[in-house]
Amino acid sequence: MNSAYEELNSKRKIGFIGAGKAGVTLGAYFKSKGIKLSGFYSRNPDSAKEASDMISVSCYSDLFALVADSDVIIISTPDSQILNV
């Protein structure tokens, strides 16, 4: 990869809405590849805290704060909850 691509990716931060198995697994994978994560937000604060602690990123109790701190948002909620996000 060229250095401009790597530099751009090193500045982007990914945030997760939803802190279940899919989000945590994807977050851990991204982090292992050197991709920066802002953290997790979940309707269940305990889930967001557990996910954040598991991969050493921030836990957000405010959805808008997560969005403000992230360049990319991944919605990793159950399909039935996507419309509620």
N, C-alpha and C. Protein backbone atom coordinates (compact mmCIF):
# COMPACT_ATOMS: atom_id res chain seq x y z
N MET A 1 0.84 -1.18 0.00
CA MET A 1 0.00 0.00 0.00
C MET A 1 0.88 1.24 0.00
N ASN A 2 0.36 2.31 -0.58
CA ASN A 2 1.17 3.52 -0.60
C ASN A 2 1.03 4.28 0.71
N SER A 3 1.95 5.18 0.94
CA SER A 3 1.99 5.89 2.21
C SER A 3 0.82 6.85 2.38
N ALA A 4 0.30 7.42 1.29
CA ALA A 4 -0.86 8.32 1.40
C ALA A 4 -2.08 7.54 1.90
N TYR A 5 -2.28 6.34 1.40
CA TYR A 5 -3.39 5.49 1.84
C TYR A 5 -3.23 5.14 3.31
N GLU A 6 -2.04 4.74 3.70
CA GLU A 6 -1.78 4.37 5.09
C GLU A 6 -1.96 5.57 6.01
N GLU A 7 -1.52 6.74 5.56
CA GLU A 7 -1.66 7.95 6.38
C GLU A 7 -3.14 8.30 6.58
N LEU A 8 -3.92 8.22 5.51
CA LEU A 8 -5.35 8.51 5.62
C LEU A 8 -6.04 7.54 6.57
N ASN A 9 -5.73 6.26 6.45
CA ASN A 9 -6.35 5.26 7.33
C ASN A 9 -5.89 5.41 8.77
N SER A 10 -4.69 5.89 8.99
CA SER A 10 -4.21 6.03 10.36
C SER A 10 -4.92 7.17 11.09
N LYS A 11 -5.56 8.05 10.36
CA LYS A 11 -6.26 9.18 10.97
C LYS A 11 -7.74 8.92 11.18
N ARG A 12 -8.30 7.95 10.54
CA ARG A 12 -9.72 7.64 10.67
C ARG A 12 -9.98 6.84 11.94
N LYS A 13 -11.11 7.14 12.56
CA LYS A 13 -11.51 6.36 13.74
C LYS A 13 -12.90 5.77 13.49
N ILE A 14 -13.04 4.52 13.88
CA ILE A 14 -14.30 3.81 13.70
C ILE A 14 -15.00 3.68 15.04
N GLY A 15 -16.29 3.99 15.04
CA GLY A 15 -17.11 3.83 16.23
C GLY A 15 -18.18 2.77 15.97
N PHE A 16 -18.59 2.11 17.04
CA PHE A 16 -19.58 1.04 16.94
C PHE A 16 -20.83 1.37 17.73
N ILE A 17 -21.97 1.24 17.08
CA ILE A 17 -23.26 1.29 17.76
C ILE A 17 -23.70 -0.16 17.88
N GLY A 18 -23.74 -0.64 19.11
CA GLY A 18 -24.01 -2.04 19.36
C GLY A 18 -22.74 -2.71 19.83
N ALA A 19 -22.86 -3.41 20.95
CA ALA A 19 -21.67 -3.99 21.57
C ALA A 19 -21.82 -5.49 21.78
N GLY A 20 -22.40 -6.13 20.81
CA GLY A 20 -22.57 -7.59 20.89
C GLY A 20 -21.38 -8.31 20.28
N LYS A 21 -21.55 -9.60 20.04
CA LYS A 21 -20.45 -10.43 19.55
C LYS A 21 -19.90 -9.95 18.21
N ALA A 22 -20.78 -9.58 17.29
CA ALA A 22 -20.32 -9.15 15.96
C ALA A 22 -19.49 -7.87 16.05
N GLY A 23 -19.98 -6.88 16.78
CA GLY A 23 -19.26 -5.62 16.91
C GLY A 23 -17.93 -5.77 17.62
N VAL A 24 -17.93 -6.53 18.70
CA VAL A 24 -16.69 -6.73 19.46
C VAL A 24 -15.67 -7.50 18.64
N THR A 25 -16.10 -8.51 17.93
CA THR A 25 -15.19 -9.30 17.10
C THR A 25 -14.60 -8.44 15.99
N LEU A 26 -15.44 -7.67 15.32
CA LEU A 26 -14.96 -6.81 14.25
C LEU A 26 -14.04 -5.72 14.81
N GLY A 27 -14.41 -5.14 15.94
CA GLY A 27 -13.57 -4.13 16.56
C GLY A 27 -12.20 -4.68 16.94
N ALA A 28 -12.17 -5.86 17.51
CA ALA A 28 -10.90 -6.49 17.89
C ALA A 28 -10.05 -6.76 16.65
N TYR A 29 -10.69 -7.20 15.57
CA TYR A 29 -9.96 -7.45 14.33
C TYR A 29 -9.36 -6.14 13.79
N PHE A 30 -10.19 -5.10 13.72
CA PHE A 30 -9.69 -3.82 13.22
C PHE A 30 -8.51 -3.33 14.06
N LYS A 31 -8.66 -3.41 15.37
CA LYS A 31 -7.60 -2.94 16.25
C LYS A 31 -6.31 -3.75 16.03
N SER A 32 -6.45 -5.05 15.82
CA SER A 32 -5.27 -5.89 15.59
C SER A 32 -4.56 -5.53 14.29
N LYS A 33 -5.27 -4.89 13.38
CA LYS A 33 -4.70 -4.46 12.10
C LYS A 33 -4.22 -3.02 12.13
N GLY A 34 -4.27 -2.40 13.33
CA GLY A 34 -3.77 -1.04 13.47
C GLY A 34 -4.76 0.05 13.13
N ILE A 35 -6.01 -0.32 12.97
CA ILE A 35 -7.05 0.66 12.66
C ILE A 35 -7.54 1.26 13.97
N LYS A 36 -7.64 2.58 14.02
CA LYS A 36 -8.05 3.26 15.24
C LYS A 36 -9.55 3.14 15.46
N LEU A 37 -9.91 2.91 16.70
CA LEU A 37 -11.32 2.83 17.09
C LEU A 37 -11.62 3.94 18.08
N SER A 38 -12.79 4.57 17.94
CA SER A 38 -13.20 5.54 18.94
C SER A 38 -13.81 4.80 20.12
N GLY A 39 -14.68 3.82 19.87
CA GLY A 39 -15.25 3.04 20.95
C GLY A 39 -16.63 2.49 20.64
N PHE A 40 -17.35 2.15 21.73
CA PHE A 40 -18.66 1.51 21.63
C PHE A 40 -19.73 2.30 22.34
N TYR A 41 -20.91 2.31 21.74
CA TYR A 41 -22.13 2.81 22.37
C TYR A 41 -23.15 1.69 22.29
N SER A 42 -23.93 1.54 23.34
CA SER A 42 -25.00 0.55 23.35
C SER A 42 -26.13 1.06 24.23
N ARG A 43 -27.35 0.64 23.92
CA ARG A 43 -28.48 0.99 24.80
C ARG A 43 -28.26 0.43 26.19
N ASN A 44 -27.53 -0.67 26.25
CA ASN A 44 -27.18 -1.28 27.53
C ASN A 44 -25.77 -0.82 27.90
N PRO A 45 -25.67 0.12 28.85
CA PRO A 45 -24.35 0.66 29.20
C PRO A 45 -23.35 -0.41 29.66
N ASP A 46 -23.84 -1.45 30.32
CA ASP A 46 -22.94 -2.51 30.77
C ASP A 46 -22.31 -3.24 29.57
N SER A 47 -23.08 -3.44 28.52
CA SER A 47 -22.54 -4.08 27.32
C SER A 47 -21.47 -3.22 26.66
N ALA A 48 -21.73 -1.92 26.57
CA ALA A 48 -20.74 -1.01 25.98
C ALA A 48 -19.47 -1.00 26.81
N LYS A 49 -19.60 -0.98 28.11
CA LYS A 49 -18.43 -0.97 29.02
C LYS A 49 -17.63 -2.27 28.87
N GLU A 50 -18.33 -3.39 28.85
CA GLU A 50 -17.65 -4.68 28.72
C GLU A 50 -16.91 -4.77 27.39
N ALA A 51 -17.56 -4.36 26.31
CA ALA A 51 -16.92 -4.41 24.99
C ALA A 51 -15.72 -3.48 24.94
N SER A 52 -15.87 -2.30 25.48
CA SER A 52 -14.79 -1.32 25.48
C SER A 52 -13.59 -1.80 26.29
N ASP A 53 -13.88 -2.36 27.45
CA ASP A 53 -12.80 -2.89 28.30
C ASP A 53 -12.08 -4.06 27.62
N MET A 54 -12.84 -4.88 26.91
CA MET A 54 -12.29 -6.08 26.28
C MET A 54 -11.20 -5.74 25.27
N ILE A 55 -11.39 -4.64 24.53
CA ILE A 55 -10.39 -4.31 23.52
C ILE A 55 -9.73 -2.94 23.76
N SER A 56 -9.89 -2.43 24.96
CA SER A 56 -9.20 -1.20 25.39
C SER A 56 -9.49 0.01 24.51
N VAL A 57 -10.77 0.31 24.36
CA VAL A 57 -11.20 1.53 23.67
C VAL A 57 -12.20 2.25 24.57
N SER A 58 -12.68 3.39 24.13
CA SER A 58 -13.59 4.19 24.93
C SER A 58 -15.00 3.62 24.94
N CYS A 59 -15.68 3.88 26.04
CA CYS A 59 -17.07 3.52 26.22
C CYS A 59 -17.88 4.81 26.17
N TYR A 60 -18.91 4.85 25.37
CA TYR A 60 -19.73 6.04 25.22
C TYR A 60 -21.13 5.81 25.79
N SER A 61 -21.58 6.74 26.61
CA SER A 61 -22.95 6.69 27.11
C SER A 61 -23.83 7.65 26.32
N ASP A 62 -23.21 8.44 25.44
CA ASP A 62 -23.92 9.41 24.62
C ASP A 62 -23.66 9.10 23.15
N LEU A 63 -24.71 8.74 22.44
CA LEU A 63 -24.60 8.38 21.03
C LEU A 63 -23.98 9.52 20.21
N PHE A 64 -24.40 10.75 20.49
CA PHE A 64 -23.90 11.88 19.72
C PHE A 64 -22.41 12.13 19.95
N ALA A 65 -21.92 11.83 21.13
CA ALA A 65 -20.48 11.95 21.41
C ALA A 65 -19.70 10.92 20.59
N LEU A 66 -20.21 9.70 20.50
CA LEU A 66 -19.56 8.68 19.67
C LEU A 66 -19.49 9.14 18.22
N VAL A 67 -20.61 9.65 17.71
CA VAL A 67 -20.65 10.10 16.32
C VAL A 67 -19.66 11.24 16.11
N ALA A 68 -19.59 12.18 17.05
CA ALA A 68 -18.67 13.31 16.92
C ALA A 68 -17.21 12.87 16.93
N ASP A 69 -16.90 11.82 17.65
CA ASP A 69 -15.52 11.34 17.78
C ASP A 69 -15.12 10.34 16.70
N SER A 70 -16.03 10.00 15.80
CA SER A 70 -15.79 8.94 14.81
C SER A 70 -15.87 9.47 13.40
N ASP A 71 -15.06 8.89 12.53
CA ASP A 71 -15.13 9.20 11.10
C ASP A 71 -16.02 8.21 10.37
N VAL A 72 -16.13 7.01 10.93
CA VAL A 72 -16.95 5.94 10.36
C VAL A 72 -17.74 5.33 11.51
N ILE A 73 -19.01 5.06 11.27
CA ILE A 73 -19.86 4.40 12.26
C ILE A 73 -20.30 3.05 11.71
N ILE A 74 -20.11 2.02 12.49
CA ILE A 74 -20.61 0.69 12.14
C ILE A 74 -21.78 0.37 13.07
N ILE A 75 -22.92 0.07 12.46
CA ILE A 75 -24.09 -0.32 13.24
C ILE A 75 -24.07 -1.83 13.36
N SER A 76 -23.82 -2.29 14.57
CA SER A 76 -23.69 -3.74 14.79
C SER A 76 -24.76 -4.19 15.79
N THR A 77 -25.98 -3.76 15.51
CA THR A 77 -27.12 -4.15 16.33
C THR A 77 -27.86 -5.30 15.65
N PRO A 78 -28.75 -5.96 16.37
CA PRO A 78 -29.61 -6.93 15.68
C PRO A 78 -30.41 -6.22 14.58
N ASP A 79 -30.68 -6.91 13.49
CA ASP A 79 -31.41 -6.32 12.38
C ASP A 79 -32.72 -5.67 12.82
N SER A 80 -33.38 -6.26 13.77
CA SER A 80 -34.67 -5.74 14.22
C SER A 80 -34.55 -4.39 14.94
N GLN A 81 -33.34 -4.00 15.30
CA GLN A 81 -33.14 -2.74 16.03
C GLN A 81 -32.55 -1.62 15.19
N ILE A 82 -32.22 -1.89 13.93
CA ILE A 82 -31.56 -0.88 13.10
C ILE A 82 -32.41 0.38 12.95
N LEU A 83 -33.71 0.22 12.76
CA LEU A 83 -34.57 1.39 12.59
C LEU A 83 -34.61 2.25 13.84
N ASN A 84 -34.29 1.71 14.99
CA ASN A 84 -34.32 2.46 16.25
C ASN A 84 -33.04 3.26 16.47
N VAL A 85 -32.03 3.04 15.64
CA VAL A 85 -30.75 3.73 15.86
C VAL A 85 -30.84 5.16 15.36
